[in-house]
Amino acid sequence: MSKIETIKQAIMADPQNKEYTDKGIEPLFAAPKTARINIIGQAPGMKTEAAGLYWKDKSGDRLREWLGVDEDTFYNSGLFAVIPMDFYFPGHGKSGDLPPRKGFAEKWHPQLLKECPDIELTLLIGQYAQAYYLHEKVSGKVTERVHHFKNYLPEYFPLVHPSPRNQIWMAKNPWFEAEVVPELQALVQKIIHQ
């Protein structure tokens, strides 16, 4: 059994994840040894969990557009790790999905990241990933971080969530698609074509 498979089995056996494992739901993540770019989002949505494949929804379509890669490259090249803050759909809240469960990333991220030694860039999607990895408060500072993404390079690239719910944010912040997305695409292309 590979190290990644061993970690996956440990995640499924963890009492914290018992209700998912009992329903036959597997954790959604990818940590290929050859990965150069790591994507840390919040948690799988209900659709992606049902499909059994991370970022397999409208948010994923938009994310791939921002990255400038097709589905085949995203899923099959071995260049992308996807290690969200929680590997299971946390449920619905009042205004969207519930936040990722506390303590989940602390427990599993270090083990998985050890298996991806060649990560050059980590995309931090949304407030929870940004707060955890940038050691900043969870707050409405996502826009500010994304606007000043160069401050976090070369290790991190903060992004807003590509959800269709963020249409209003996109309309209010046209600089994102005009300035940030082209820089992200150029960086991704440079890394994956080395």
C-alpha atoms as a PDB file:
ATOM      1  CA  MET A   1       0.000   0.000   0.000  1.00  0.00           C
ATOM      2  CA  SER A   2       1.335   3.462  -0.908  1.00  0.00           C
ATOM      3  CA  LYS A   3       1.964   6.058   1.783  1.00  0.00           C
ATOM      4  CA  ILE A   4      -0.919   8.191   0.417  1.00  0.00           C
ATOM      5  CA  GLU A   5      -3.266   5.193   0.544  1.00  0.00           C
ATOM      6  CA  THR A   6      -2.168   4.504   4.127  1.00  0.00           C
ATOM      7  CA  ILE A   7      -2.962   8.126   5.077  1.00  0.00           C
ATOM      8  CA  LYS A   8      -6.318   7.899   3.293  1.00  0.00           C
ATOM      9  CA  GLN A   9      -7.207   4.747   5.245  1.00  0.00           C
ATOM     10  CA  ALA A  10      -6.213   6.503   8.489  1.00  0.00           C
ATOM     11  CA  ILE A  11      -8.444   9.475   7.603  1.00  0.00           C
ATOM     12  CA  MET A  12     -11.367   7.129   6.949  1.00  0.00           C
ATOM     13  CA  ALA A  13     -10.734   5.215  10.188  1.00  0.00           C
ATOM     14  CA  ASP A  14     -10.554   8.390  12.278  1.00  0.00           C
ATOM     15  CA  PRO A  15     -13.582   8.625  14.630  1.00  0.00           C
ATOM     16  CA  GLN A  16     -14.016  12.270  13.534  1.00  0.00           C
ATOM     17  CA  ASN A  17     -14.952  10.969  10.058  1.00  0.00           C
ATOM     18  CA  LYS A  18     -16.982   7.922  11.108  1.00  0.00           C
ATOM     19  CA  GLU A  19     -20.332   9.214   9.856  1.00  0.00           C
ATOM     20  CA  TYR A  20     -18.864   9.747   6.366  1.00  0.00           C
ATOM     21  CA  THR A  21     -17.033   6.423   6.257  1.00  0.00           C
ATOM     22  CA  ASP A  22     -20.159   4.610   7.450  1.00  0.00           C
ATOM     23  CA  LYS A  23     -22.042   6.109   4.474  1.00  0.00           C
ATOM     24  CA  GLY A  24     -19.280   4.974   2.077  1.00  0.00           C
ATOM     25  CA  ILE A  25     -18.060   8.537   1.496  1.00  0.00           C
ATOM     26  CA  GLU A  26     -14.311   8.777   0.869  1.00  0.00           C
ATOM     27  CA  PRO A  27     -12.187  11.842   1.628  1.00  0.00           C
ATOM     28  CA  LEU A  28     -11.670  14.128  -1.385  1.00  0.00           C
ATOM     29  CA  PHE A  29      -8.064  15.179  -1.902  1.00  0.00           C
ATOM     30  CA  ALA A  30      -5.142  14.533  -4.225  1.00  0.00           C
ATOM     31  CA  ALA A  31      -1.488  14.483  -3.271  1.00  0.00           C
ATOM     32  CA  PRO A  32       0.588  13.154  -6.166  1.00  0.00           C
ATOM     33  CA  LYS A  33       4.335  12.980  -5.483  1.00  0.00           C
ATOM     34  CA  THR A  34       4.910  14.908  -8.739  1.00  0.00           C
ATOM     35  CA  ALA A  35       2.647  17.863  -7.790  1.00  0.00           C
ATOM     36  CA  ARG A  36       4.065  21.359  -8.355  1.00  0.00           C
ATOM     37  CA  ILE A  37       0.958  23.378  -7.455  1.00  0.00           C
ATOM     38  CA  ASN A  38      -1.158  22.792  -4.354  1.00  0.00           C
ATOM     39  CA  ILE A  39      -4.750  24.012  -4.143  1.00  0.00           C
ATOM     40  CA  ILE A  40      -6.144  24.541  -0.657  1.00  0.00           C
ATOM     41  CA  GLY A  41      -9.827  25.410  -0.608  1.00  0.00           C
ATOM     42  CA  GLN A  42     -12.449  25.209   2.089  1.00  0.00           C
ATOM     43  CA  ALA A  43     -14.067  21.764   1.718  1.00  0.00           C
ATOM     44  CA  PRO A  44     -15.845  19.786  -0.991  1.00  0.00           C
ATOM     45  CA  GLY A  45     -19.336  20.938  -1.887  1.00  0.00           C
ATOM     46  CA  MET A  46     -22.314  18.613  -1.905  1.00  0.00           C
ATOM     47  CA  LYS A  47     -22.105  18.134  -5.712  1.00  0.00           C
ATOM     48  CA  THR A  48     -18.410  17.269  -5.708  1.00  0.00           C
ATOM     49  CA  GLU A  49     -18.855  14.873  -2.803  1.00  0.00           C
ATOM     50  CA  ALA A  50     -21.704  13.179  -4.696  1.00  0.00           C
ATOM     51  CA  ALA A  51     -19.524  12.994  -7.829  1.00  0.00           C
ATOM     52  CA  GLY A  52     -16.590  11.664  -5.775  1.00  0.00           C
ATOM     53  CA  LEU A  53     -14.246  14.131  -7.470  1.00  0.00           C
ATOM     54  CA  TYR A  54     -12.896  17.419  -6.097  1.00  0.00           C
ATOM     55  CA  TRP A  55     -13.706  20.654  -7.988  1.00  0.00           C
ATOM     56  CA  LYS A  56     -16.157  18.810 -10.274  1.00  0.00           C
ATOM     57  CA  ASP A  57     -18.736  21.596 -10.368  1.00  0.00           C
ATOM     58  CA  LYS A  58     -19.241  25.140 -11.658  1.00  0.00           C
ATOM     59  CA  SER A  59     -16.698  26.469  -9.141  1.00  0.00           C
ATOM     60  CA  GLY A  60     -14.166  23.981 -10.503  1.00  0.00           C
ATOM     61  CA  ASP A  61     -14.882  25.059 -14.083  1.00  0.00           C
ATOM     62  CA  ARG A  62     -14.176  28.654 -13.145  1.00  0.00           C
ATOM     63  CA  LEU A  63     -11.065  27.714 -11.157  1.00  0.00           C
ATOM     64  CA  ARG A  64      -9.623  25.858 -14.165  1.00  0.00           C
ATOM     65  CA  GLU A  65     -10.421  28.912 -16.299  1.00  0.00           C
ATOM     66  CA  TRP A  66      -8.496  31.125 -13.862  1.00  0.00           C
ATOM     67  CA  LEU A  67      -5.584  28.678 -13.909  1.00  0.00           C
ATOM     68  CA  GLY A  68      -5.634  28.435 -17.697  1.00  0.00           C
ATOM     69  CA  VAL A  69      -5.696  24.604 -17.671  1.00  0.00           C
ATOM     70  CA  ASP A  70      -8.119  22.040 -19.060  1.00  0.00           C
ATOM     71  CA  GLU A  71      -9.755  19.206 -17.104  1.00  0.00           C
ATOM     72  CA  ASP A  72      -7.285  16.624 -18.355  1.00  0.00           C
ATOM     73  CA  THR A  73      -4.278  18.639 -17.139  1.00  0.00           C
ATOM     74  CA  PHE A  74      -6.009  19.435 -13.862  1.00  0.00           C
ATOM     75  CA  TYR A  75      -6.986  15.865 -13.013  1.00  0.00           C
ATOM     76  CA  ASN A  76      -4.475  13.675 -14.845  1.00  0.00           C
ATOM     77  CA  SER A  77      -1.128  15.459 -15.169  1.00  0.00           C
ATOM     78  CA  GLY A  78       0.050  14.776 -11.619  1.00  0.00           C
ATOM     79  CA  LEU A  79       0.991  18.467 -11.385  1.00  0.00           C
ATOM     80  CA  PHE A  80      -1.826  19.518  -9.051  1.00  0.00           C
ATOM     81  CA  ALA A  81      -2.321  18.567  -5.428  1.00  0.00           C
ATOM     82  CA  VAL A  82      -5.717  19.371  -3.927  1.00  0.00           C
ATOM     83  CA  ILE A  83      -5.592  19.384  -0.133  1.00  0.00           C
ATOM     84  CA  PRO A  84      -8.601  21.325   1.213  1.00  0.00           C
ATOM     85  CA  MET A  85      -9.128  22.446   4.812  1.00  0.00           C
ATOM     86  CA  ASP A  86     -11.610  19.556   5.207  1.00  0.00           C
ATOM     87  CA  PHE A  87     -11.927  16.543   2.897  1.00  0.00           C
ATOM     88  CA  TYR A  88     -15.667  16.117   3.444  1.00  0.00           C
ATOM     89  CA  PHE A  89     -18.749  18.262   2.794  1.00  0.00           C
ATOM     90  CA  PRO A  90     -19.406  19.903   6.192  1.00  0.00           C
ATOM     91  CA  GLY A  91     -23.120  20.598   5.606  1.00  0.00           C
ATOM     92  CA  HIS A  92     -25.271  23.633   4.837  1.00  0.00           C
ATOM     93  CA  GLY A  93     -25.227  26.813   6.906  1.00  0.00           C
ATOM     94  CA  LYS A  94     -27.436  29.917   6.840  1.00  0.00           C
ATOM     95  CA  SER A  95     -25.590  31.546   3.940  1.00  0.00           C
ATOM     96  CA  GLY A  96     -23.781  28.752   2.137  1.00  0.00           C
ATOM     97  CA  ASP A  97     -21.835  25.734   3.286  1.00  0.00           C
ATOM     98  CA  LEU A  98     -20.658  25.353   6.878  1.00  0.00           C
ATOM     99  CA  PRO A  99     -16.984  26.100   7.551  1.00  0.00           C
ATOM    100  CA  PRO A 100     -14.420  23.294   7.508  1.00  0.00           C
ATOM    101  CA  ARG A 101     -14.187  21.405  10.785  1.00  0.00           C
ATOM    102  CA  LYS A 102     -11.641  22.666  13.310  1.00  0.00           C
ATOM    103  CA  GLY A 103      -8.478  20.645  13.795  1.00  0.00           C
ATOM    104  CA  PHE A 104      -8.842  18.780  10.507  1.00  0.00           C
ATOM    105  CA  ALA A 105      -6.061  20.526   8.566  1.00  0.00           C
ATOM    106  CA  GLU A 106      -3.698  20.394  11.558  1.00  0.00           C
ATOM    107  CA  LYS A 107      -4.107  16.632  11.705  1.00  0.00           C
ATOM    108  CA  TRP A 108      -3.813  15.682   8.021  1.00  0.00           C
ATOM    109  CA  HIS A 109      -2.083  18.428   5.999  1.00  0.00           C
ATOM    110  CA  PRO A 110       1.455  17.916   7.372  1.00  0.00           C
ATOM    111  CA  GLN A 111       1.328  14.183   6.578  1.00  0.00           C
ATOM    112  CA  LEU A 112       0.115  14.741   3.025  1.00  0.00           C
ATOM    113  CA  LEU A 113       2.417  17.668   2.282  1.00  0.00           C
ATOM    114  CA  LYS A 114       5.404  15.532   3.284  1.00  0.00           C
ATOM    115  CA  GLU A 115       4.464  13.312   0.321  1.00  0.00           C
ATOM    116  CA  CYS A 116       4.524  16.268  -2.129  1.00  0.00           C
ATOM    117  CA  PRO A 117       8.129  17.501  -1.937  1.00  0.00           C
ATOM    118  CA  ASP A 118       8.116  19.547  -5.163  1.00  0.00           C
ATOM    119  CA  ILE A 119       5.267  21.998  -4.468  1.00  0.00           C
ATOM    120  CA  GLU A 120       6.327  25.422  -5.796  1.00  0.00           C
ATOM    121  CA  LEU A 121       3.100  27.353  -5.337  1.00  0.00           C
ATOM    122  CA  THR A 122       0.124  26.979  -3.002  1.00  0.00           C
ATOM    123  CA  LEU A 123      -3.185  28.600  -3.936  1.00  0.00           C
ATOM    124  CA  LEU A 124      -5.140  29.630  -0.847  1.00  0.00           C
ATOM    125  CA  ILE A 125      -8.810  29.812  -1.805  1.00  0.00           C
ATOM    126  CA  GLY A 126     -11.065  31.681   0.593  1.00  0.00           C
ATOM    127  CA  GLN A 127     -10.805  32.949   4.136  1.00  0.00           C
ATOM    128  CA  TYR A 128     -10.256  29.686   6.027  1.00  0.00           C
ATOM    129  CA  ALA A 129      -7.253  28.531   3.983  1.00  0.00           C
ATOM    130  CA  GLN A 130      -5.809  32.048   4.065  1.00  0.00           C
ATOM    131  CA  ALA A 131      -6.291  32.486   7.810  1.00  0.00           C
ATOM    132  CA  TYR A 132      -4.698  29.105   8.537  1.00  0.00           C
ATOM    133  CA  TYR A 133      -1.679  29.335   6.249  1.00  0.00           C
ATOM    134  CA  LEU A 134      -1.017  33.065   6.491  1.00  0.00           C
ATOM    135  CA  HIS A 135      -1.642  33.084  10.265  1.00  0.00           C
ATOM    136  CA  GLU A 136      -4.121  35.921   9.965  1.00  0.00           C
ATOM    137  CA  LYS A 137      -7.599  36.357  11.426  1.00  0.00           C
ATOM    138  CA  VAL A 138     -10.588  34.902   9.595  1.00  0.00           C
ATOM    139  CA  SER A 139     -12.276  38.091   8.445  1.00  0.00           C
ATOM    140  CA  GLY A 140     -13.405  40.061   5.438  1.00  0.00           C
ATOM    141  CA  LYS A 141      -9.796  40.644   4.427  1.00  0.00           C
ATOM    142  CA  VAL A 142      -9.947  38.197   1.509  1.00  0.00           C
ATOM    143  CA  THR A 143     -10.333  41.029  -1.021  1.00  0.00           C
ATOM    144  CA  GLU A 144      -7.340  42.837   0.414  1.00  0.00           C
ATOM    145  CA  ARG A 145      -5.180  39.692   0.357  1.00  0.00           C
ATOM    146  CA  VAL A 146      -6.180  38.857  -3.212  1.00  0.00           C
ATOM    147  CA  HIS A 147      -5.531  42.447  -4.329  1.00  0.00           C
ATOM    148  CA  HIS A 148      -2.057  42.319  -2.768  1.00  0.00           C
ATOM    149  CA  PHE A 149      -1.305  38.742  -3.823  1.00  0.00           C
ATOM    150  CA  LYS A 150       2.295  39.657  -4.738  1.00  0.00           C
ATOM    151  CA  ASN A 151       3.025  40.175  -1.026  1.00  0.00           C
ATOM    152  CA  TYR A 152       2.543  36.423  -0.498  1.00  0.00           C
ATOM    153  CA  LEU A 153       4.553  35.147  -3.452  1.00  0.00           C
ATOM    154  CA  PRO A 154       6.492  33.030  -4.245  1.00  0.00           C
ATOM    155  CA  GLU A 155       5.022  30.522  -1.767  1.00  0.00           C
ATOM    156  CA  TYR A 156       1.336  31.476  -1.629  1.00  0.00           C
ATOM    157  CA  PHE A 157      -1.253  32.962  -3.985  1.00  0.00           C
ATOM    158  CA  PRO A 158      -4.477  34.010  -2.192  1.00  0.00           C
ATOM    159  CA  LEU A 159      -7.664  33.767  -4.244  1.00  0.00           C
ATOM    160  CA  VAL A 160     -11.340  34.461  -3.769  1.00  0.00           C
ATOM    161  CA  HIS A 161     -13.563  31.391  -4.074  1.00  0.00           C
ATOM    162  CA  PRO A 162     -14.539  30.743  -7.713  1.00  0.00           C
ATOM    163  CA  SER A 163     -18.145  30.001  -6.731  1.00  0.00           C
ATOM    164  CA  PRO A 164     -20.954  31.357  -8.950  1.00  0.00           C
ATOM    165  CA  ARG A 165     -22.173  33.009  -5.703  1.00  0.00           C
ATOM    166  CA  ASN A 166     -19.246  35.392  -6.053  1.00  0.00           C
ATOM    167  CA  GLN A 167     -20.631  37.050  -9.214  1.00  0.00           C
ATOM    168  CA  ILE A 168     -21.384  40.220  -7.238  1.00  0.00           C
ATOM    169  CA  TRP A 169     -17.832  40.295  -5.859  1.00  0.00           C
ATOM    170  CA  MET A 170     -16.447  39.815  -9.391  1.00  0.00           C
ATOM    171  CA  ALA A 171     -18.589  42.694 -10.689  1.00  0.00           C
ATOM    172  CA  LYS A 172     -17.434  44.978  -7.850  1.00  0.00           C
ATOM    173  CA  ASN A 173     -13.766  44.064  -8.335  1.00  0.00           C
ATOM    174  CA  PRO A 174     -13.049  44.117 -12.084  1.00  0.00           C
ATOM    175  CA  TRP A 175      -9.297  44.397 -11.355  1.00  0.00           C
ATOM    176  CA  PHE A 176      -9.351  40.710 -10.379  1.00  0.00           C
ATOM    177  CA  GLU A 177     -10.043  39.354 -13.875  1.00  0.00           C
ATOM    178  CA  ALA A 178      -8.102  42.175 -15.539  1.00  0.00           C
ATOM    179  CA  GLU A 179      -4.919  41.973 -13.446  1.00  0.00           C
ATOM    180  CA  VAL A 180      -4.797  39.004 -11.071  1.00  0.00           C
ATOM    181  CA  VAL A 181      -6.046  36.187 -13.333  1.00  0.00           C
ATOM    182  CA  PRO A 182      -3.517  36.874 -16.151  1.00  0.00           C
ATOM    183  CA  GLU A 183      -0.661  36.874 -13.615  1.00  0.00           C
ATOM    184  CA  LEU A 184      -1.938  33.642 -12.081  1.00  0.00           C
ATOM    185  CA  GLN A 185      -2.189  32.001 -15.514  1.00  0.00           C
ATOM    186  CA  ALA A 186       1.339  33.086 -16.448  1.00  0.00           C
ATOM    187  CA  LEU A 187       2.720  31.724 -13.186  1.00  0.00           C
ATOM    188  CA  VAL A 188       0.859  28.407 -13.539  1.00  0.00           C
ATOM    189  CA  GLN A 189       2.074  27.983 -17.131  1.00  0.00           C
ATOM    190  CA  LYS A 190       5.644  28.711 -16.094  1.00  0.00           C
ATOM    191  CA  ILE A 191       5.512  26.108 -13.316  1.00  0.00           C
ATOM    192  CA  ILE A 192       3.812  23.327 -15.266  1.00  0.00           C
ATOM    193  CA  HIS A 193       6.018  23.741 -18.346  1.00  0.00           C
ATOM    194  CA  GLN A 194       9.385  23.681 -16.574  1.00  0.00           C
END
